[in-house]
Structures are given as structure tokens and as C-alpha cells.
Protein backbone atom coordinates (compact mmCIF):
# COMPACT_ATOMS: atom_id res chain seq x y z
CA MET A 1 60.55 -52.10 -87.81
CA SER A 2 63.75 -54.10 -86.62
CA SER A 3 64.02 -52.48 -82.59
CA ARG A 4 60.20 -53.59 -82.47
CA ASN A 5 60.39 -57.38 -84.33
CA THR A 6 63.03 -57.05 -81.41
CA MET A 7 61.41 -56.31 -78.87
CA GLU A 8 58.72 -58.45 -80.43
CA LYS A 9 61.25 -62.14 -79.89
CA THR A 10 62.67 -61.29 -76.20
CA GLN A 11 59.07 -60.81 -75.25
CA LYS A 12 57.94 -63.95 -77.02
CA ARG A 13 61.26 -65.80 -75.23
CA ASN A 14 60.66 -64.62 -71.91
CA LEU A 15 57.07 -66.12 -72.73
CA ARG A 16 57.96 -68.79 -73.15
CA SER A 17 61.12 -68.86 -70.32
CA GLN A 18 58.57 -68.23 -67.43
CA PRO A 19 56.83 -71.83 -66.60
CA LYS A 20 60.22 -72.76 -66.34
CA LYS A 21 61.40 -70.03 -64.18
CA ASP A 22 57.58 -70.65 -61.97
CA LEU A 23 58.98 -74.64 -61.84
CA GLU A 24 61.88 -74.17 -60.47
CA ASN A 25 61.09 -71.81 -57.42
CA GLU A 26 57.90 -74.54 -56.92
CA LYS A 27 61.07 -77.40 -56.95
CA GLN A 28 62.45 -74.67 -54.15
CA ARG A 29 58.89 -74.15 -52.20
CA THR A 30 58.30 -77.91 -52.17
CA GLU A 31 61.97 -79.19 -50.46
CA HIS A 32 62.22 -76.09 -47.91
CA GLN A 33 58.05 -77.66 -46.99
CA LYS A 34 60.02 -80.97 -46.25
CA GLU A 35 62.52 -79.52 -44.05
CA LEU A 36 60.45 -76.88 -42.16
CA ALA A 37 57.81 -80.36 -41.57
CA GLU A 38 60.53 -81.85 -39.69
CA MET A 39 61.28 -78.72 -37.76
CA LYS A 40 58.80 -77.37 -36.82
CA THR A 41 57.99 -81.39 -35.65
CA GLU A 42 60.64 -81.18 -33.56
CA MET A 43 59.52 -77.41 -31.76
CA ALA A 44 56.03 -78.94 -31.65
CA LEU A 45 57.30 -82.38 -29.72
CA LYS A 46 59.27 -80.11 -27.77
CA GLU A 47 56.33 -77.39 -27.28
CA HIS A 48 53.96 -81.01 -25.95
CA GLU A 49 56.08 -81.70 -23.20
CA ARG A 50 56.63 -78.30 -21.87
CA LYS A 51 53.69 -77.97 -21.22
CA GLU A 52 53.01 -81.80 -20.18
CA ASN A 53 55.26 -80.70 -16.75
CA GLU A 54 53.19 -77.10 -16.47
CA LYS A 55 49.61 -79.17 -16.94
CA GLU A 56 51.38 -81.37 -13.57
CA LYS A 57 51.66 -78.03 -11.73
CA SER A 58 48.19 -77.07 -12.44
CA GLN A 59 46.68 -79.66 -11.88
CA ASP A 60 48.80 -80.36 -8.20
CA GLU A 61 47.37 -76.22 -7.76
CA THR A 62 43.92 -76.27 -8.43
CA GLU A 63 41.01 -77.43 -5.51
CA LYS A 64 38.20 -78.33 -6.52
CA PRO A 65 35.23 -76.67 -5.36
CA THR A 66 33.19 -77.44 -2.64
CA SER A 67 29.99 -77.36 -0.48
CA TYR A 68 30.56 -77.83 2.64
CA THR A 69 33.57 -79.37 4.99
CA LYS A 70 31.58 -81.06 7.67
CA ALA A 71 28.83 -82.22 7.52
CA SER A 72 27.99 -80.42 10.83
CA LEU A 73 28.18 -77.11 8.29
CA ILE A 74 24.46 -78.10 6.43
CA PRO A 75 22.28 -75.59 7.34
CA HIS A 76 19.72 -76.20 10.03
CA THR A 77 16.69 -74.94 8.65
CA VAL A 78 17.29 -77.94 5.82
CA SER A 79 14.70 -80.59 6.81
CA SER A 80 15.02 -84.54 4.72
CA MET A 81 12.55 -84.09 2.51
CA THR A 82 13.01 -80.68 1.05
CA ILE A 83 15.29 -79.31 -1.77
CA PHE A 84 16.95 -76.24 -0.53
CA VAL A 85 19.21 -73.94 -2.41
CA ASP A 86 21.76 -72.12 -0.82
CA ARG A 87 23.66 -69.37 -2.43
CA LYS A 88 25.65 -68.64 -0.02
CA ASN A 89 27.63 -71.45 -0.68
CA ASN A 90 26.64 -71.85 -4.28
CA THR A 91 24.99 -74.79 -3.42
CA VAL A 92 21.81 -77.24 -3.93
CA VAL A 93 20.53 -79.96 -1.12
CA VAL A 94 18.23 -82.84 -2.23
CA PRO A 95 17.14 -85.43 -0.15
CA ILE A 96 18.32 -88.96 -0.67
CA TYR A 97 16.77 -91.89 1.35
CA ASN A 98 15.43 -88.47 4.59
CA THR A 99 19.45 -87.36 4.27
CA PRO A 100 20.13 -83.87 3.51
CA PHE A 101 23.19 -84.64 -0.08
CA PRO A 102 25.00 -80.78 -0.81
CA CYS A 103 25.36 -81.06 -4.66
CA HIS A 104 27.19 -78.10 -5.81
CA VAL A 105 26.02 -75.52 -7.86
CA SER A 106 29.56 -76.17 -10.07
CA THR A 107 28.25 -80.46 -10.85
CA ILE A 108 24.56 -79.23 -12.13
CA ARG A 109 24.65 -79.21 -16.09
CA SER A 110 20.71 -78.30 -16.21
CA VAL A 111 17.63 -78.49 -14.95
CA SER A 112 14.39 -78.15 -16.19
CA LYS A 113 10.80 -78.48 -14.60
CA SER A 114 7.82 -80.48 -16.10
CA ASP A 115 4.01 -81.43 -15.61
CA ASP A 116 2.84 -84.80 -15.07
CA GLY A 117 -0.84 -84.80 -14.24
CA HIS A 118 -1.52 -83.01 -11.71
CA SER A 119 2.09 -82.62 -10.16
CA ALA A 120 5.56 -80.91 -11.51
CA LEU A 121 8.80 -83.00 -12.03
CA LEU A 122 11.71 -81.63 -11.63
CA ARG A 123 14.46 -83.21 -13.77
CA ILE A 124 18.63 -82.25 -12.52
CA ASN A 125 21.23 -83.42 -15.69
CA PHE A 126 24.53 -83.11 -14.17
CA ALA A 127 27.57 -82.20 -16.14
CA ASN A 128 30.28 -86.33 -16.29
CA PRO A 129 33.30 -86.31 -14.15
CA GLN A 130 36.47 -86.16 -15.72
CA LYS A 131 38.48 -88.98 -15.40
CA ALA A 132 41.48 -89.38 -13.82
CA PRO A 133 44.77 -90.07 -16.46
CA ASP A 134 45.20 -93.61 -14.28
CA GLU A 135 41.73 -94.50 -15.08
CA THR A 136 40.83 -98.17 -16.75
CA GLU A 137 36.83 -99.50 -17.63
CA HIS A 138 37.42 -101.56 -15.13
CA THR A 139 38.70 -98.98 -12.14
CA ALA A 140 36.32 -96.45 -13.84
CA ARG A 141 34.07 -94.01 -11.27
CA GLN A 142 30.16 -94.79 -10.72
CA ALA A 143 28.55 -91.55 -11.94
CA ILE A 144 24.76 -90.61 -11.26
CA ARG A 145 23.17 -88.60 -14.42
CA SER A 146 20.27 -86.59 -13.29
CA MET A 147 17.95 -86.60 -10.50
CA THR A 148 14.17 -86.76 -10.82
CA PHE A 149 12.02 -85.78 -8.07
CA LYS A 150 7.92 -85.64 -7.77
CA SER A 151 5.51 -82.59 -6.27
CA LYS A 152 2.10 -82.06 -6.23
CA ASN A 153 3.48 -78.54 -5.48
CA GLN A 154 3.19 -77.45 -8.64
CA ILE A 155 4.49 -73.53 -7.65
CA ARG A 156 6.99 -74.44 -5.67
CA MET A 157 8.89 -76.68 -7.69
CA THR A 158 8.74 -73.59 -10.91
CA SER A 159 10.03 -71.59 -8.00
CA LEU A 160 13.29 -74.07 -7.58
CA ALA A 161 13.86 -74.44 -11.12
CA ARG A 162 14.25 -71.04 -11.41
CA ASP A 163 16.37 -70.83 -8.45
CA ILE A 164 19.38 -73.61 -9.16
CA ALA A 165 18.42 -72.47 -13.16
CA ASP A 166 20.05 -68.52 -12.08
CA LEU A 167 22.05 -69.70 -8.79
CA LYS A 168 23.76 -71.37 -11.73
CA LYS A 169 24.02 -68.40 -14.18
CA ARG A 170 25.09 -66.57 -11.02
CA TYR A 171 28.21 -69.32 -10.40
CA THR A 172 28.91 -69.70 -13.71
CA GLN A 173 29.80 -65.40 -14.22
CA ALA A 174 31.46 -65.09 -11.71
CA GLU A 175 33.36 -68.16 -12.69
CA GLU A 176 34.10 -66.43 -15.65
CA GLU A 177 35.17 -62.87 -14.36
CA LYS A 178 37.79 -64.69 -11.87
CA LYS A 179 38.93 -66.61 -14.81
CA GLU A 180 39.45 -63.32 -16.61
CA SER A 181 41.09 -61.31 -13.67
CA GLY A 182 42.61 -64.00 -12.56
CA SER A 183 45.06 -63.93 -15.75
CA VAL A 184 45.99 -60.64 -16.25
CA VAL A 185 49.37 -60.68 -14.15
CA ALA A 186 50.17 -58.68 -11.45
CA GLN A 187 52.50 -55.60 -13.25
CA PRO A 188 54.70 -53.17 -10.40
CA ALA A 189 53.64 -49.27 -10.21
CA LEU A 190 55.30 -47.38 -12.80
CA ALA A 191 57.64 -45.62 -12.97
CA MET A 192 56.74 -41.91 -13.70
CA PHE A 193 58.67 -38.74 -14.72
CA GLN A 194 59.24 -35.97 -12.23
CA THR A 195 58.85 -33.39 -15.01
CA ARG A 196 57.09 -33.49 -18.50
CA SER A 197 57.76 -36.17 -20.25
CA VAL A 198 58.05 -36.56 -24.30
CA PHE A 199 54.49 -36.51 -24.72
CA LEU A 200 51.45 -36.64 -27.86
CA HIS A 201 49.24 -34.62 -26.89
CA ASP A 202 45.35 -35.13 -28.09
CA VAL A 203 45.14 -39.08 -29.05
CA HIS A 204 42.21 -41.29 -29.23
CA ILE A 205 42.73 -44.84 -27.67
CA ARG A 206 41.16 -48.57 -28.64
CA PRO A 207 39.43 -49.87 -26.77
CA VAL A 208 37.46 -47.10 -25.28
CA LEU A 209 37.78 -45.66 -21.72
CA GLN A 210 34.62 -45.01 -19.90
CA LYS A 211 34.89 -41.76 -22.03
CA LYS A 212 35.80 -41.11 -25.85
CA PHE A 213 37.75 -37.58 -24.66
CA PRO A 214 40.64 -37.74 -26.10
CA GLY A 215 44.25 -38.26 -23.34
CA ASP A 216 47.58 -37.83 -24.22
CA LEU A 217 50.52 -39.96 -24.24
CA GLU A 218 53.54 -39.77 -22.51
CA ILE A 219 56.92 -42.00 -22.00
CA HIS A 220 58.29 -43.01 -18.56
CA SER A 221 61.52 -44.61 -17.00
CA ASN A 222 59.23 -48.45 -17.57
CA GLY A 223 56.31 -47.51 -19.66
CA VAL A 224 53.27 -45.51 -21.05
CA LEU A 225 50.92 -44.24 -19.75
CA PHE A 226 48.10 -42.87 -21.43
CA ARG A 227 45.92 -39.90 -19.36
CA GLN A 228 42.73 -38.29 -19.98
CA ALA A 229 41.64 -34.62 -19.17
CA VAL A 230 38.35 -35.73 -17.86
CA GLY A 231 39.78 -37.80 -14.94
CA ASP A 232 42.39 -39.45 -12.87
CA GLN A 233 41.17 -42.25 -13.06
CA ASN A 234 41.09 -42.74 -16.77
CA ARG A 235 43.62 -44.38 -17.55
CA VAL A 236 46.01 -46.80 -18.64
CA GLU A 237 50.07 -47.31 -17.81
CA ILE A 238 51.31 -50.13 -20.12
CA LEU A 239 55.13 -50.75 -19.37
CA PHE A 240 58.26 -51.61 -21.85
CA THR A 241 58.29 -55.41 -20.53
CA ASN A 242 54.47 -56.66 -21.13
CA ILE A 243 55.49 -55.13 -25.05
CA LYS A 244 55.48 -58.09 -27.13
CA HIS A 245 55.13 -56.06 -30.46
CA LEU A 246 54.54 -52.47 -31.87
CA PHE A 247 53.60 -51.34 -35.00
CA PHE A 248 53.29 -47.93 -37.13
CA VAL A 249 50.43 -47.71 -39.00
CA PRO A 250 50.95 -44.25 -41.20
CA CYS A 251 48.64 -42.43 -43.17
CA ASP A 252 48.97 -43.05 -46.59
CA THR A 253 46.76 -45.75 -46.76
CA GLU A 254 44.29 -45.07 -44.01
CA PRO A 255 42.13 -42.61 -42.46
CA CYS A 256 44.45 -42.40 -39.58
CA VAL A 257 47.71 -42.35 -38.03
CA ILE A 258 48.37 -45.27 -35.66
CA ILE A 259 50.57 -46.32 -33.14
CA HIS A 260 49.72 -50.10 -31.84
CA PHE A 261 50.95 -52.09 -29.15
CA HIS A 262 50.42 -56.02 -28.72
CA LEU A 263 51.02 -57.59 -25.23
CA ARG A 264 52.87 -60.35 -23.30
CA THR A 265 49.44 -60.94 -20.88
CA GLY A 266 46.22 -58.64 -21.28
CA ILE A 267 45.32 -56.37 -18.78
CA LEU A 268 41.92 -53.86 -17.95
CA ILE A 269 40.67 -51.96 -19.60
CA GLY A 270 37.53 -51.41 -17.56
CA LYS A 271 36.34 -54.43 -16.82
CA LYS A 272 37.17 -56.60 -19.98
CA LYS A 273 41.04 -58.16 -20.81
CA THR A 274 42.36 -57.23 -24.07
CA THR A 275 45.97 -58.09 -25.32
CA ASP A 276 45.48 -54.82 -28.53
CA ILE A 277 45.46 -51.01 -26.72
CA GLN A 278 45.88 -48.51 -30.38
CA PHE A 279 46.31 -45.23 -30.45
CA TYR A 280 45.64 -42.69 -32.96
CA LYS A 281 44.56 -39.50 -33.92
CA GLU A 282 42.74 -39.09 -37.78
CA THR A 283 44.12 -37.09 -40.26
CA ALA A 284 40.33 -34.79 -40.97
CA LYS A 285 40.14 -34.08 -37.68
CA ALA A 286 43.88 -33.12 -37.53
CA LEU A 287 42.76 -30.57 -41.58
CA SER A 288 39.94 -28.69 -39.82
CA GLU A 289 41.87 -28.36 -36.43
CA ASP A 290 44.68 -26.55 -38.71
CA THR A 291 42.29 -24.89 -41.11
CA THR A 292 40.36 -21.95 -39.68
CA GLY A 293 37.13 -21.52 -40.66
CA ALA A 294 37.58 -18.60 -42.83
CA ARG A 295 40.01 -20.21 -44.42
CA ARG A 296 37.21 -23.60 -45.50
CA LYS A 297 35.28 -21.35 -47.05
CA LEU A 298 37.23 -20.38 -49.89
CA TYR A 299 37.80 -24.12 -50.89
CA HIS A 300 34.95 -24.09 -53.27
CA ARG A 301 37.22 -23.99 -56.60
CA ASP A 302 38.97 -26.66 -59.27
CA GLU A 303 42.02 -24.56 -57.95
CA ASP A 304 41.68 -24.15 -53.94
CA GLU A 305 40.53 -28.02 -54.21
CA VAL A 306 44.31 -28.69 -55.90
CA LEU A 307 45.59 -26.58 -52.66
CA LEU A 308 43.18 -28.50 -49.83
CA GLU A 309 44.73 -31.83 -51.68
CA LYS A 310 48.53 -30.28 -50.94
CA HIS A 311 47.42 -29.22 -47.20
CA GLU A 312 45.48 -32.64 -46.68
CA ARG A 313 49.07 -33.73 -47.96
CA ILE A 314 51.30 -31.77 -45.82
CA VAL A 315 49.36 -31.77 -42.39
CA GLY A 316 49.27 -36.09 -42.87
CA GLU A 317 53.16 -36.14 -43.03
CA ARG A 318 53.92 -34.00 -40.46
CA LEU A 319 51.15 -36.44 -38.86
CA ASN A 320 53.30 -38.85 -40.02
CA ALA A 321 56.64 -37.27 -39.32
CA GLU A 322 55.85 -37.11 -35.73
CA PHE A 323 54.15 -40.52 -34.50
CA GLN A 324 57.05 -42.23 -36.10
CA ALA A 325 59.29 -39.91 -34.03
CA PHE A 326 57.35 -40.97 -31.33
CA ALA A 327 56.97 -44.50 -31.73
CA GLU A 328 60.87 -44.35 -32.60
CA LYS A 329 61.48 -42.50 -28.27
CA ILE A 330 59.51 -45.39 -27.35
CA VAL A 331 61.83 -48.49 -28.68
CA ALA A 332 64.90 -46.51 -27.69
CA ALA A 333 63.73 -46.31 -23.87
CA ALA A 334 62.66 -50.15 -24.41
CA GLY A 335 65.61 -51.32 -25.73
CA THR A 336 63.11 -55.02 -25.84
CA VAL A 337 61.06 -54.47 -28.45
CA ASP A 338 61.62 -52.87 -32.14
CA LEU A 339 59.01 -51.27 -34.32
CA GLN A 340 57.24 -52.56 -37.25
CA THR A 341 55.38 -51.18 -40.54
CA PRO A 342 52.95 -53.01 -42.43
CA GLU A 343 53.98 -53.53 -46.59
CA THR A 344 51.37 -52.73 -48.65
CA GLU A 345 53.08 -54.77 -51.75
CA SER A 346 52.29 -57.27 -49.93
CA ALA A 347 48.62 -57.31 -48.43
CA PHE A 348 45.70 -59.49 -49.17
CA LEU A 349 41.42 -59.17 -48.67
CA GLY A 350 40.32 -61.55 -46.69
CA ILE A 351 37.92 -62.26 -44.34
CA THR A 352 38.75 -62.22 -40.63
CA HIS A 353 36.21 -61.68 -37.27
CA ARG A 354 33.06 -61.39 -39.83
CA GLN A 355 34.53 -58.04 -42.13
CA THR A 356 36.82 -57.90 -44.86
CA ALA A 357 40.03 -56.77 -43.64
CA LEU A 358 43.25 -56.27 -45.98
CA LEU A 359 45.58 -57.71 -44.05
CA ARG A 360 49.18 -56.82 -43.52
CA PRO A 361 52.75 -58.75 -43.36
CA THR A 362 55.30 -57.34 -40.55
CA GLU A 363 58.29 -58.68 -40.08
CA GLU A 364 57.23 -61.28 -37.43
CA CYS A 365 53.27 -60.40 -37.66
CA LEU A 366 50.64 -60.35 -39.54
CA VAL A 367 47.95 -57.77 -39.08
CA TYR A 368 44.37 -55.88 -39.37
CA LEU A 369 45.06 -52.99 -37.69
CA THR A 370 42.29 -50.51 -38.80
CA GLU A 371 39.46 -50.54 -37.10
CA PRO A 372 38.51 -53.58 -34.08
CA PRO A 373 38.33 -56.13 -33.40
CA PHE A 374 42.01 -56.25 -34.28
CA THR A 375 43.97 -59.00 -36.21
CA VAL A 376 47.53 -59.40 -34.91
CA ILE A 377 49.42 -63.46 -35.15
CA THR A 378 52.44 -63.62 -34.24
CA LEU A 379 54.84 -65.81 -37.14
CA SER A 380 57.37 -67.10 -34.76
CA ASP A 381 53.75 -68.80 -33.07
CA VAL A 382 52.16 -70.69 -35.66
CA GLU A 383 53.12 -73.79 -36.16
CA VAL A 384 51.38 -74.81 -40.36
CA VAL A 385 49.49 -72.88 -41.89
CA SER A 386 46.11 -74.83 -43.68
CA LEU A 387 45.60 -73.71 -47.63
CA GLU A 388 41.81 -75.21 -47.76
CA ARG A 389 39.43 -74.84 -50.84
CA VAL A 390 42.37 -75.13 -53.17
CA ILE A 391 39.94 -76.22 -56.53
CA PHE A 392 39.95 -75.53 -59.62
CA GLY A 393 37.59 -72.73 -60.92
CA LEU A 394 37.04 -71.21 -57.56
CA LYS A 395 36.99 -67.78 -56.78
CA ASN A 396 38.28 -68.07 -53.13
CA PHE A 397 40.40 -69.77 -51.21
CA ASP A 398 40.21 -70.27 -46.86
CA MET A 399 44.09 -69.84 -45.00
CA VAL A 400 43.58 -71.31 -40.94
CA PHE A 401 46.95 -71.06 -38.68
CA VAL A 402 47.42 -73.10 -36.25
CA PHE A 403 49.60 -72.80 -33.28
CA PHE A 404 51.83 -74.57 -31.53
CA ASP A 405 49.81 -73.94 -28.15
CA LYS A 406 47.52 -76.11 -29.12
CA ALA A 407 45.20 -74.44 -26.72
CA SER A 408 44.82 -71.31 -28.62
CA PRO A 409 42.69 -71.76 -31.00
CA PRO A 410 42.73 -71.63 -35.04
CA VAL A 411 42.32 -68.14 -36.78
CA SER A 412 41.26 -68.41 -39.90
CA ILE A 413 40.58 -65.74 -42.97
CA ALA A 414 38.33 -66.47 -45.81
CA SER A 415 37.70 -65.55 -48.51
CA ILE A 416 40.57 -65.35 -50.03
CA PRO A 417 40.62 -63.91 -54.18
CA MET A 418 42.53 -66.48 -55.81
CA ASN A 419 44.99 -64.83 -58.10
CA SER A 420 46.80 -63.95 -54.78
CA LEU A 421 47.62 -67.61 -53.47
CA GLU A 422 50.64 -67.89 -55.55
CA ALA A 423 52.02 -64.64 -53.73
CA VAL A 424 50.82 -65.97 -50.41
CA LYS A 425 52.80 -69.12 -50.64
CA ASP A 426 56.31 -67.25 -51.65
CA TRP A 427 55.66 -65.38 -48.47
CA LEU A 428 54.58 -68.01 -45.99
CA ASP A 429 57.72 -70.13 -47.77
CA GLY A 430 59.57 -67.75 -47.16
CA SER A 431 58.61 -66.42 -44.15
CA ASN A 432 59.18 -69.73 -43.17
CA ILE A 433 56.56 -70.73 -42.44
CA LEU A 434 54.85 -75.36 -42.96
CA PHE A 435 52.11 -74.98 -45.58
CA ILE A 436 49.93 -76.87 -46.48
CA GLU A 437 47.18 -77.71 -49.20
CA GLY A 438 43.90 -79.21 -49.85
CA LYS A 439 40.66 -78.85 -51.37
CA ILE A 440 38.35 -79.26 -48.02
CA ASN A 441 37.88 -77.35 -45.09
CA TYR A 442 38.46 -79.28 -42.58
CA ASN A 443 36.88 -79.39 -38.78
CA TRP A 444 39.94 -77.85 -36.56
CA ASN A 445 38.06 -78.35 -32.58
CA ASN A 446 38.13 -82.85 -33.56
CA MET A 447 41.73 -81.92 -35.77
CA LEU A 448 43.25 -80.04 -32.63
CA LYS A 449 41.67 -82.35 -29.75
CA MET A 450 42.85 -86.06 -31.85
CA VAL A 451 46.26 -83.86 -32.50
CA ARG A 452 46.36 -83.59 -28.62
CA THR A 453 44.76 -86.92 -27.15
CA ASP A 454 48.31 -88.52 -28.67
CA PRO A 455 50.74 -85.62 -30.67
CA VAL A 456 53.69 -88.61 -30.26
CA GLU A 457 51.41 -91.19 -32.18
CA PHE A 458 49.70 -88.17 -34.35
CA TYR A 459 53.88 -86.84 -35.53
CA SER A 460 55.38 -90.36 -36.00
CA GLN A 461 52.81 -91.53 -38.98
CA GLY A 462 53.84 -87.82 -40.74
CA GLY A 463 51.97 -84.88 -38.73
CA TRP A 464 50.62 -82.50 -40.68
CA MET A 465 52.67 -83.38 -44.17
CA SER A 466 49.99 -86.49 -43.83
CA LEU A 467 46.76 -84.82 -44.55
CA GLN A 468 48.54 -83.03 -47.32
CA PRO A 469 47.36 -84.73 -50.55
CA HIS A 470 50.02 -86.45 -53.26
CA GLU A 471 50.63 -85.74 -56.61
CA GLY A 472 48.10 -88.38 -58.12
CA GLU A 473 45.89 -87.79 -55.94
CA GLU A 474 45.97 -83.81 -56.84
CA GLU A 475 46.11 -85.32 -60.50
CA GLU A 476 42.76 -86.94 -60.78
CA SER A 477 41.01 -84.51 -58.25
CA GLN A 478 41.51 -81.59 -60.75
CA GLU A 479 40.72 -84.57 -63.58
CA SER A 480 37.44 -84.81 -61.77
CA VAL A 481 36.64 -80.86 -61.08
CA PHE A 482 36.85 -80.46 -64.42
CA GLU A 483 34.24 -82.02 -65.76
CA GLU A 484 31.47 -81.06 -63.27
CA SER A 485 32.67 -78.17 -64.46
CA ALA A 486 32.19 -79.18 -68.61
CA GLU A 487 29.09 -81.22 -67.53
CA ASP A 488 27.18 -78.20 -65.31
CA GLY A 489 28.16 -76.05 -69.07
CA SER A 490 29.00 -73.75 -66.90
CA ASP A 491 32.85 -72.87 -66.83
CA GLU A 492 33.47 -73.85 -70.49
CA THR A 493 35.80 -71.32 -71.49
CA GLU A 494 38.10 -72.09 -68.77
CA ASP A 495 37.92 -75.99 -70.00
CA SER A 496 39.44 -75.16 -72.96
CA GLN A 497 42.06 -73.14 -72.17
CA GLU A 498 43.22 -76.33 -69.88
CA SER A 499 42.66 -78.67 -72.85
CA VAL A 500 44.69 -75.99 -74.80
CA PHE A 501 47.09 -75.76 -71.93
CA GLU A 502 46.98 -79.76 -72.60
CA GLU A 503 47.65 -80.03 -76.54
CA GLU A 504 50.35 -77.97 -75.49
CA SER A 505 52.40 -79.87 -72.76
CA VAL A 506 51.98 -83.08 -75.38
CA GLU A 507 52.91 -80.85 -78.26
CA GLU A 508 56.64 -79.91 -76.36
CA GLU A 509 57.19 -83.36 -74.39
CA SER A 510 56.69 -84.68 -78.46
CA ALA A 511 58.83 -82.68 -79.75
CA GLY A 512 60.88 -82.95 -77.70
CA ALA A 513 65.17 -81.17 -78.22
CA GLU A 514 64.00 -80.30 -81.38
CA SER A 515 61.11 -77.26 -80.42
CA GLU A 516 63.53 -76.50 -77.27
CA GLY A 517 66.00 -75.40 -80.27
CA MET A 518 64.03 -73.59 -82.66
CA ASP A 519 63.69 -69.98 -82.29
CA TRP A 520 60.32 -68.47 -82.31
CA ASP A 521 60.01 -67.77 -85.87
CA GLU A 522 61.17 -70.44 -87.24
CA LEU A 523 57.77 -71.88 -85.62
CA GLU A 524 55.56 -69.77 -86.58
CA GLU A 525 57.87 -70.46 -89.85
CA LYS A 526 57.33 -74.21 -89.61
CA THR A 527 53.17 -73.71 -88.64
CA ARG A 528 52.72 -71.76 -91.19
CA ARG A 529 54.28 -74.45 -94.23
CA GLU A 530 52.32 -77.10 -92.27
CA GLU A 531 48.72 -75.26 -92.82
CA GLU A 532 49.30 -75.20 -96.92
CA GLN A 533 51.09 -78.10 -97.24
CA ARG A 534 46.95 -79.36 -95.73
CA LYS A 535 44.99 -76.53 -98.84
């Protein structure tokens, strides 16, 4: 009986000391976040200077599209009173004062055709030209916004509208493909071993090649090679110098064992550029290959199911050991990359890429690698994390990762359970990541546009910490939320808990040192005596 009382006293003391520990941790986290804010501001300004230097160089190298270098190259078949679509030079020649005037299709924003009685109107809308850096209101260039042409030949005008729209569509697609292929950095050739190298047999690749066939993953002198048995053209080369992160995911919590490559620069697989390539093997398929048909027929009783589960565990352990050993050999051969394994204890649920995902941190990243589209966030590239919709009474909150490179779109993770909030804060602070907390969702397109316009002014006014509400504002907003929930009558339990919490805090402040010096049993005895006096 005495041991039970001692245990209860210990538990009560722990409960009393827990709020103090949480308060101390909160203070330490706040001080650390202030230090991170100063450091991140300095890093962001240096990144801005570097981007400005690169931007000046790229502007000098950029060539503007031109229709014709001189007037004599305009086709002789063009009439001074007709509209001509030159598909070869991506140009639309229009008549202006009986003079053919070429307009490159890149300057055309849209085209439309409408009827005006017995005539047809063809309207060509032009894109707004970009302003020069030294351009002011007085020196601004005048631009033509649109042109409208009228003709009684409605069939001709309909055909012109269709031809111009098709030309613009083809030109846009060609430019996107050119940009996609142009952003792929030319890599040196893979130096292959003449003898049989270390390899993984019968693995699948994501994203899928032309056909979903298994293949072999081999380690060579300066990279790895994946090739399928169906043809030599179905092969993927990954150089060691292009590997940014290497992950190994065991099949303990996943349906397959995975080796995942996150690349520095994307490579083309088919016609699409990708920076994430994954090689995997499903445990169910490995089990079916390892178990013969005659043996499978025996698994129909309870004791046989126990044997099957044991066999599944053995196969999973064998696959984990095989893939992990191969990944470690890649690390040893590359010499510039570390092997990372996602953690399960710090994982949390969220919605990314319109799918529910279990996001798991590693030493350098936050990842979701179970199925495409994959999520790999490099923590060293993150400038700030915004925790949004953090409101008392809501079950979920959102998290947005903003990068030092403001041209990179922010990564949003929505609908994270509210009971993961403190764990997420501790993880962010432990990873030296600055975070802000608020009750609204920001329009990050407008926000980053404002930061890019004048980053020096933005950071001189406090930077991201200027978006962090003060303690007084937080308390007022929380009180308003409590009042709204009380009026609705939907959260009566939470309101009563909050009122109890406030009463206890007031009593603790008024009692002061007296309550801190009394034991839990003494407080209970004091309460009992007060109740007897009231009776």
C-alpha cells in the first residue's frame, strides 16, 4: 500500500513539473529562433547578390527572337493588304498602311474572331513588353496592345484565327521542350568496367521506361547503370558527381525495399526531365519467387500461416541486407555522398501533391518515397518554414517550405494533425530551420514577388519575423476564437477546459510560493477542510 502511495506521489510531482519543463523548452526554442532569424537574413542577402550577378550574365547571353533580320527576307508572296502566316519563321505578317509588318508569334498573347453583321473581325492581342531596368514613366516605350482587322470573307478570317492559334501552340510547345532539354547539363560518359561489376538483379525503376520490365543495377567506375534485358536503348546512367542525396528505405514499414537517388541536375528519361530516380523490389514478388507452388498449397491452416509470416520476415530481412549492402558499396565507390535512412519515430502525416503521405525526416532532408510523385526537401536549401492555420480548435494545420532561391516554388504540406505540432516544432528547431507561426494561409506568389522586388527593404524591416504575430496579438486572437466557439456551442468541452486552465493559472499566481512549498497530499487535505467548512 505504501509503495502505491509513493508511486502516486511521484506521478503527481511529474505532472506538476511537466508545465515548467515545457515552458523552459519554449523559451530556449524562442531564443534559438531569434539567432536563426539573424543568420538566415544574412544568408538570404548573400544569395540575392549571387542571383543578381548570375542574372546580369544571363541577360547578356539571352537572344531575343526575331522574324527577319532585314526587310528583303519577307516572302515576296506577301501582299500589302493581306495577313500572312509564315510557319517557317514563326511569324504573322500583318498590313499596316499598305506595308507588310512582321510580328513574331512570341509577341502574340491571344487571337480571336468575332462577327460584325456580314463581316468578320480578327483581333490580335499582344503581350506586354518587359520594362528596361533604367526605364521610368517619362522614358517608357509605347507598345501596341492589340490590332483588329475587318473583312467580309468570314471563311478566310476563321482560317487565319485557327492558323495563328496553332502556330502559337506549336511554338510554345517547342520552346518548352527546348527549355527542358536545355536545362539538362551535358554529362561525361559512363566509364564501364570490362568485367562483370557489382550489381542488383531483377529490380524495377521509377519513373518507368518504355516498358515496365525489371533490369539490373550495376556499379561502374564513375557511376551506376540500369539496363533492361529487352533492349540496350532502355538504359539509365547516373554519375556519382550528379548524386545529391542517396536514400535506403527498408521494407519494414513499406511494401518494397528501395534505393532512391535525388540528383543535382535532372536527366532525361524518355522525354521528361527528372531529378528523382528510384530502384525497388516488392517483397510480395520476392516471396512468390522464393516459395514454390507446392509449398504454397500447404499454407491454409493457422499453424501454416505462422510459418508463412516467419518466411515473409526472413525474405524481408534478406532483401534489406542485400539492398543496404549495395547502397553502401555505392557510397564507397562515390566517396562524395552519404547514405540516409528515413526515420519512423519523427514521421508525420500530411497531404502533398494531392495525396496523403507519411513524411519522414532524414539527416539532411524531409522525404516521401513510397510512390510517385516523390517529395524530397533538402533542409539546407530552406530559408523559412511557415506553420499556418495554427488555431485552437482546429484538427489540422499546414506547413510551407520557402527556399533561399525565390525562383523555386514553395512546397506546401497540408492537413498535418494538430497533435504533431510540438513534435514538428522541435524537429524544425533541432534542424536549425527558422519557422514562423500564424493563423492564416499566405498567398506565397504575391509574397515572394514582393520579396524579389526589393529584398533589401524586406529584410531591413525584420524579414520573415515581421510576419510572426506578437504575444499580445496571439492572445487577443485566441480569445476571439474562444468566444466564437462558445457562441456556436460546438466546442463546449474545449471551452470548459480552457476556463479551468485559466482558473488554475490565476490560483497559482495568487498562491505564489505557498502552493509551491506544499505537497500534493497537503493540498488535497487543505481542499477537503475547506469543503467541510463550507458545509
